Amino acid sequence: MKTLVLYSIAAIMYVTGGALMKYSQGLTQALPTLGLTALFSTGALIQARAMRYEQLGSSYILVLGLEALLAIILGMLLFGEQLSGRAAAGITLVVIGIVLLRFP
């Protein structure tokens, strides 16, 4: 359970850093650029800590899947992005893949 919490925190850090990518305007704005660098670095450190006793593939997919799901949600909330049927189907497949890899 502790590992899943760490993976979730890492995914949140990555997605928040991703939102700052948009605000950095191509890395031309100092504060968002510093923020995204700090968040990505911290997310990677947390993920590395959680991966100590996990397989690389399944742990990486878990974080990427959580990140994708959170990015869709954050995009809708912050940037008014729409959720298409194709995106919803893709998210569903990612979640199914995570469950299959995580809970064999």
N, C-alpha and C. Protein backbone atom coordinates (compact mmCIF):
# COMPACT_ATOMS: atom_id res chain seq x y z
N MET A 1 0.83 -1.20 0.00
CA MET A 1 0.00 0.00 0.00
C MET A 1 0.87 1.26 0.00
N LYS A 2 1.96 1.23 0.77
CA LYS A 2 2.86 2.39 0.82
C LYS A 2 3.43 2.69 -0.56
N THR A 3 3.75 1.63 -1.32
CA THR A 3 4.30 1.81 -2.65
C THR A 3 3.30 2.49 -3.57
N LEU A 4 2.04 2.09 -3.49
CA LEU A 4 1.00 2.71 -4.33
C LEU A 4 0.84 4.18 -4.00
N VAL A 5 0.95 4.52 -2.72
CA VAL A 5 0.87 5.94 -2.32
C VAL A 5 2.04 6.72 -2.92
N LEU A 6 3.24 6.15 -2.87
CA LEU A 6 4.41 6.82 -3.45
C LEU A 6 4.26 6.99 -4.96
N TYR A 7 3.77 5.94 -5.63
CA TYR A 7 3.55 6.05 -7.07
C TYR A 7 2.52 7.14 -7.38
N SER A 8 1.49 7.22 -6.57
CA SER A 8 0.45 8.24 -6.78
C SER A 8 1.02 9.65 -6.59
N ILE A 9 1.84 9.82 -5.57
CA ILE A 9 2.47 11.13 -5.34
C ILE A 9 3.38 11.49 -6.51
N ALA A 10 4.16 10.52 -6.98
CA ALA A 10 5.03 10.77 -8.14
C ALA A 10 4.21 11.18 -9.35
N ALA A 11 3.11 10.49 -9.61
CA ALA A 11 2.26 10.82 -10.75
C ALA A 11 1.68 12.23 -10.62
N ILE A 12 1.28 12.59 -9.42
CA ILE A 12 0.75 13.95 -9.19
C ILE A 12 1.83 14.99 -9.46
N MET A 13 3.05 14.70 -9.03
CA MET A 13 4.16 15.63 -9.28
C MET A 13 4.40 15.80 -10.78
N TYR A 14 4.40 14.68 -11.50
CA TYR A 14 4.63 14.73 -12.95
C TYR A 14 3.52 15.52 -13.66
N VAL A 15 2.28 15.28 -13.28
CA VAL A 15 1.16 15.95 -13.95
C VAL A 15 1.15 17.45 -13.63
N THR A 16 1.44 17.78 -12.39
CA THR A 16 1.52 19.20 -12.03
C THR A 16 2.66 19.87 -12.80
N GLY A 17 3.78 19.18 -12.92
CA GLY A 17 4.88 19.69 -13.73
C GLY A 17 4.47 19.84 -15.19
N GLY A 18 3.68 18.90 -15.67
CA GLY A 18 3.19 18.99 -17.05
C GLY A 18 2.31 20.20 -17.26
N ALA A 19 1.47 20.52 -16.28
CA ALA A 19 0.64 21.72 -16.38
C ALA A 19 1.52 22.96 -16.42
N LEU A 20 2.59 22.95 -15.63
CA LEU A 20 3.51 24.09 -15.65
C LEU A 20 4.25 24.20 -16.98
N MET A 21 4.37 23.09 -17.72
CA MET A 21 4.96 23.15 -19.06
C MET A 21 4.17 24.10 -19.94
N LYS A 22 2.84 24.00 -19.85
CA LYS A 22 2.01 24.90 -20.66
C LYS A 22 2.21 26.35 -20.24
N TYR A 23 2.28 26.56 -18.93
CA TYR A 23 2.46 27.92 -18.42
C TYR A 23 3.87 28.46 -18.67
N SER A 24 4.83 27.58 -18.91
CA SER A 24 6.21 28.04 -19.13
C SER A 24 6.39 28.64 -20.52
N GLN A 25 5.41 28.45 -21.40
CA GLN A 25 5.45 28.98 -22.77
C GLN A 25 6.76 28.60 -23.46
N GLY A 26 6.99 27.29 -23.51
CA GLY A 26 8.19 26.81 -24.19
C GLY A 26 9.47 27.08 -23.41
N LEU A 27 9.36 27.02 -22.10
CA LEU A 27 10.49 27.25 -21.19
C LEU A 27 11.02 28.68 -21.25
N THR A 28 10.15 29.63 -21.60
CA THR A 28 10.57 31.03 -21.66
C THR A 28 10.18 31.82 -20.41
N GLN A 29 9.34 31.24 -19.55
CA GLN A 29 8.93 31.91 -18.32
C GLN A 29 9.65 31.24 -17.15
N ALA A 30 10.39 32.02 -16.39
CA ALA A 30 11.30 31.48 -15.37
C ALA A 30 10.60 30.68 -14.28
N LEU A 31 9.57 31.23 -13.65
CA LEU A 31 8.96 30.54 -12.51
C LEU A 31 8.31 29.22 -12.89
N PRO A 32 7.49 29.18 -13.94
CA PRO A 32 6.94 27.87 -14.32
C PRO A 32 8.03 26.87 -14.73
N THR A 33 9.08 27.35 -15.36
CA THR A 33 10.18 26.46 -15.77
C THR A 33 10.89 25.89 -14.54
N LEU A 34 11.16 26.73 -13.56
CA LEU A 34 11.77 26.24 -12.32
C LEU A 34 10.84 25.27 -11.60
N GLY A 35 9.56 25.60 -11.59
CA GLY A 35 8.57 24.74 -10.94
C GLY A 35 8.49 23.37 -11.58
N LEU A 36 8.43 23.34 -12.91
CA LEU A 36 8.31 22.04 -13.58
C LEU A 36 9.58 21.22 -13.40
N THR A 37 10.73 21.86 -13.39
CA THR A 37 11.98 21.15 -13.16
C THR A 37 12.00 20.54 -11.76
N ALA A 38 11.59 21.30 -10.79
CA ALA A 38 11.56 20.81 -9.41
C ALA A 38 10.55 19.67 -9.25
N LEU A 39 9.36 19.83 -9.84
CA LEU A 39 8.33 18.80 -9.71
C LEU A 39 8.73 17.51 -10.42
N PHE A 40 9.26 17.62 -11.64
CA PHE A 40 9.69 16.41 -12.35
C PHE A 40 10.81 15.70 -11.60
N SER A 41 11.75 16.47 -11.09
CA SER A 41 12.87 15.88 -10.35
C SER A 41 12.39 15.19 -9.07
N THR A 42 11.52 15.85 -8.34
CA THR A 42 10.99 15.28 -7.12
C THR A 42 10.16 14.04 -7.41
N GLY A 43 9.35 14.11 -8.47
CA GLY A 43 8.56 12.94 -8.87
C GLY A 43 9.43 11.76 -9.21
N ALA A 44 10.53 12.00 -9.91
CA ALA A 44 11.45 10.92 -10.28
C ALA A 44 12.11 10.32 -9.03
N LEU A 45 12.47 11.15 -8.08
CA LEU A 45 13.08 10.64 -6.85
C LEU A 45 12.09 9.79 -6.04
N ILE A 46 10.85 10.24 -5.97
CA ILE A 46 9.83 9.48 -5.25
C ILE A 46 9.55 8.17 -5.97
N GLN A 47 9.45 8.21 -7.28
CA GLN A 47 9.23 6.98 -8.05
C GLN A 47 10.39 6.01 -7.87
N ALA A 48 11.60 6.52 -7.87
CA ALA A 48 12.77 5.66 -7.69
C ALA A 48 12.73 4.98 -6.31
N ARG A 49 12.32 5.71 -5.33
CA ARG A 49 12.22 5.15 -3.97
C ARG A 49 11.17 4.04 -3.94
N ALA A 50 10.04 4.27 -4.58
CA ALA A 50 8.96 3.27 -4.59
C ALA A 50 9.34 2.03 -5.39
N MET A 51 10.23 2.16 -6.37
CA MET A 51 10.58 1.06 -7.26
C MET A 51 11.65 0.12 -6.67
N ARG A 52 12.10 0.37 -5.48
CA ARG A 52 13.19 -0.42 -4.91
C ARG A 52 12.97 -1.93 -5.04
N TYR A 53 11.78 -2.38 -4.75
CA TYR A 53 11.53 -3.82 -4.74
C TYR A 53 10.48 -4.23 -5.77
N GLU A 54 10.27 -3.40 -6.76
CA GLU A 54 9.25 -3.66 -7.77
C GLU A 54 9.93 -3.93 -9.11
N GLN A 55 9.19 -4.57 -10.00
CA GLN A 55 9.68 -4.77 -11.36
C GLN A 55 9.58 -3.45 -12.11
N LEU A 56 10.56 -3.19 -12.95
CA LEU A 56 10.62 -1.94 -13.69
C LEU A 56 9.38 -1.74 -14.56
N GLY A 57 9.04 -2.73 -15.36
CA GLY A 57 7.95 -2.58 -16.31
C GLY A 57 6.62 -2.28 -15.67
N SER A 58 6.21 -3.09 -14.71
CA SER A 58 4.89 -2.89 -14.12
C SER A 58 4.83 -1.62 -13.29
N SER A 59 5.92 -1.27 -12.61
CA SER A 59 5.90 -0.05 -11.81
C SER A 59 5.88 1.20 -12.70
N TYR A 60 6.61 1.15 -13.79
CA TYR A 60 6.64 2.29 -14.70
C TYR A 60 5.28 2.49 -15.37
N ILE A 61 4.67 1.38 -15.78
CA ILE A 61 3.34 1.46 -16.40
C ILE A 61 2.32 2.00 -15.41
N LEU A 62 2.43 1.60 -14.15
CA LEU A 62 1.51 2.10 -13.14
C LEU A 62 1.59 3.62 -13.03
N VAL A 63 2.80 4.14 -12.92
CA VAL A 63 2.96 5.59 -12.80
C VAL A 63 2.50 6.29 -14.08
N LEU A 64 2.87 5.76 -15.23
CA LEU A 64 2.44 6.37 -16.50
C LEU A 64 0.93 6.36 -16.65
N GLY A 65 0.31 5.26 -16.24
CA GLY A 65 -1.15 5.18 -16.32
C GLY A 65 -1.84 6.17 -15.40
N LEU A 66 -1.36 6.25 -14.16
CA LEU A 66 -1.91 7.24 -13.23
C LEU A 66 -1.69 8.65 -13.76
N GLU A 67 -0.52 8.86 -14.31
CA GLU A 67 -0.20 10.18 -14.87
C GLU A 67 -1.13 10.53 -16.03
N ALA A 68 -1.39 9.57 -16.90
CA ALA A 68 -2.28 9.82 -18.03
C ALA A 68 -3.69 10.15 -17.55
N LEU A 69 -4.17 9.39 -16.60
CA LEU A 69 -5.51 9.63 -16.07
C LEU A 69 -5.60 11.00 -15.41
N LEU A 70 -4.62 11.33 -14.59
CA LEU A 70 -4.61 12.63 -13.93
C LEU A 70 -4.43 13.78 -14.92
N ALA A 71 -3.66 13.56 -15.97
CA ALA A 71 -3.45 14.61 -16.97
C ALA A 71 -4.74 14.94 -17.70
N ILE A 72 -5.53 13.92 -18.01
CA ILE A 72 -6.83 14.16 -18.66
C ILE A 72 -7.72 14.98 -17.75
N ILE A 73 -7.77 14.60 -16.47
CA ILE A 73 -8.61 15.32 -15.51
C ILE A 73 -8.13 16.75 -15.33
N LEU A 74 -6.83 16.94 -15.16
CA LEU A 74 -6.29 18.29 -14.97
C LEU A 74 -6.49 19.15 -16.22
N GLY A 75 -6.32 18.55 -17.39
CA GLY A 75 -6.55 19.28 -18.63
C GLY A 75 -7.98 19.78 -18.73
N MET A 76 -8.92 18.96 -18.30
CA MET A 76 -10.32 19.38 -18.32
C MET A 76 -10.58 20.49 -17.32
N LEU A 77 -10.00 20.37 -16.12
CA LEU A 77 -10.25 21.36 -15.07
C LEU A 77 -9.54 22.68 -15.30
N LEU A 78 -8.26 22.62 -15.69
CA LEU A 78 -7.48 23.85 -15.83
C LEU A 78 -7.60 24.52 -17.19
N PHE A 79 -7.66 23.70 -18.23
CA PHE A 79 -7.55 24.25 -19.58
C PHE A 79 -8.82 24.07 -20.41
N GLY A 80 -9.88 23.56 -19.80
CA GLY A 80 -11.15 23.41 -20.50
C GLY A 80 -11.11 22.40 -21.64
N GLU A 81 -10.19 21.45 -21.56
CA GLU A 81 -10.09 20.43 -22.61
C GLU A 81 -11.27 19.47 -22.51
N GLN A 82 -11.69 18.94 -23.65
CA GLN A 82 -12.84 18.06 -23.71
C GLN A 82 -12.40 16.60 -23.67
N LEU A 83 -13.24 15.75 -23.10
CA LEU A 83 -12.99 14.32 -23.07
C LEU A 83 -13.77 13.68 -24.21
N SER A 84 -13.06 13.22 -25.22
CA SER A 84 -13.72 12.58 -26.36
C SER A 84 -13.98 11.11 -26.04
N GLY A 85 -14.79 10.49 -26.85
CA GLY A 85 -15.04 9.07 -26.70
C GLY A 85 -13.77 8.26 -26.87
N ARG A 86 -12.95 8.67 -27.80
CA ARG A 86 -11.67 7.98 -28.03
C ARG A 86 -10.76 8.09 -26.81
N ALA A 87 -10.71 9.27 -26.21
CA ALA A 87 -9.89 9.45 -25.01
C ALA A 87 -10.43 8.62 -23.85
N ALA A 88 -11.75 8.59 -23.70
CA ALA A 88 -12.36 7.80 -22.63
C ALA A 88 -12.05 6.31 -22.82
N ALA A 89 -12.11 5.84 -24.06
CA ALA A 89 -11.79 4.44 -24.35
C ALA A 89 -10.32 4.17 -24.05
N GLY A 90 -9.45 5.08 -24.41
CA GLY A 90 -8.02 4.92 -24.14
C GLY A 90 -7.74 4.87 -22.65
N ILE A 91 -8.39 5.74 -21.88
CA ILE A 91 -8.21 5.74 -20.43
C ILE A 91 -8.68 4.41 -19.85
N THR A 92 -9.80 3.94 -20.33
CA THR A 92 -10.33 2.65 -19.86
C THR A 92 -9.33 1.53 -20.12
N LEU A 93 -8.74 1.52 -21.31
CA LEU A 93 -7.75 0.49 -21.63
C LEU A 93 -6.50 0.60 -20.75
N VAL A 94 -6.08 1.82 -20.48
CA VAL A 94 -4.91 2.03 -19.62
C VAL A 94 -5.20 1.51 -18.21
N VAL A 95 -6.38 1.83 -17.68
CA VAL A 95 -6.73 1.38 -16.34
C VAL A 95 -6.81 -0.15 -16.29
N ILE A 96 -7.39 -0.75 -17.31
CA ILE A 96 -7.45 -2.22 -17.37
C ILE A 96 -6.02 -2.79 -17.41
N GLY A 97 -5.16 -2.18 -18.20
CA GLY A 97 -3.77 -2.63 -18.28
C GLY A 97 -3.06 -2.53 -16.94
N ILE A 98 -3.29 -1.45 -16.21
CA ILE A 98 -2.68 -1.28 -14.89
C ILE A 98 -3.15 -2.38 -13.95
N VAL A 99 -4.44 -2.64 -13.96
CA VAL A 99 -4.99 -3.66 -13.09
C VAL A 99 -4.40 -5.03 -13.44
N LEU A 100 -4.30 -5.32 -14.73
CA LEU A 100 -3.73 -6.61 -15.15
C LEU A 100 -2.27 -6.77 -14.74
N LEU A 101 -1.51 -5.68 -14.86
CA LEU A 101 -0.09 -5.75 -14.50
C LEU A 101 0.14 -5.72 -12.99
N ARG A 102 -0.68 -5.00 -12.31
CA ARG A 102 -0.47 -4.80 -10.88
C ARG A 102 -1.02 -5.94 -10.03
N PHE A 103 -2.11 -6.52 -10.47
CA PHE A 103 -2.79 -7.56 -9.69
C PHE A 103 -2.93 -8.84 -10.49
N PRO A 104 -1.82 -9.55 -10.72
CA PRO A 104 -1.88 -10.76 -11.54
C PRO A 104 -2.61 -11.90 -10.88
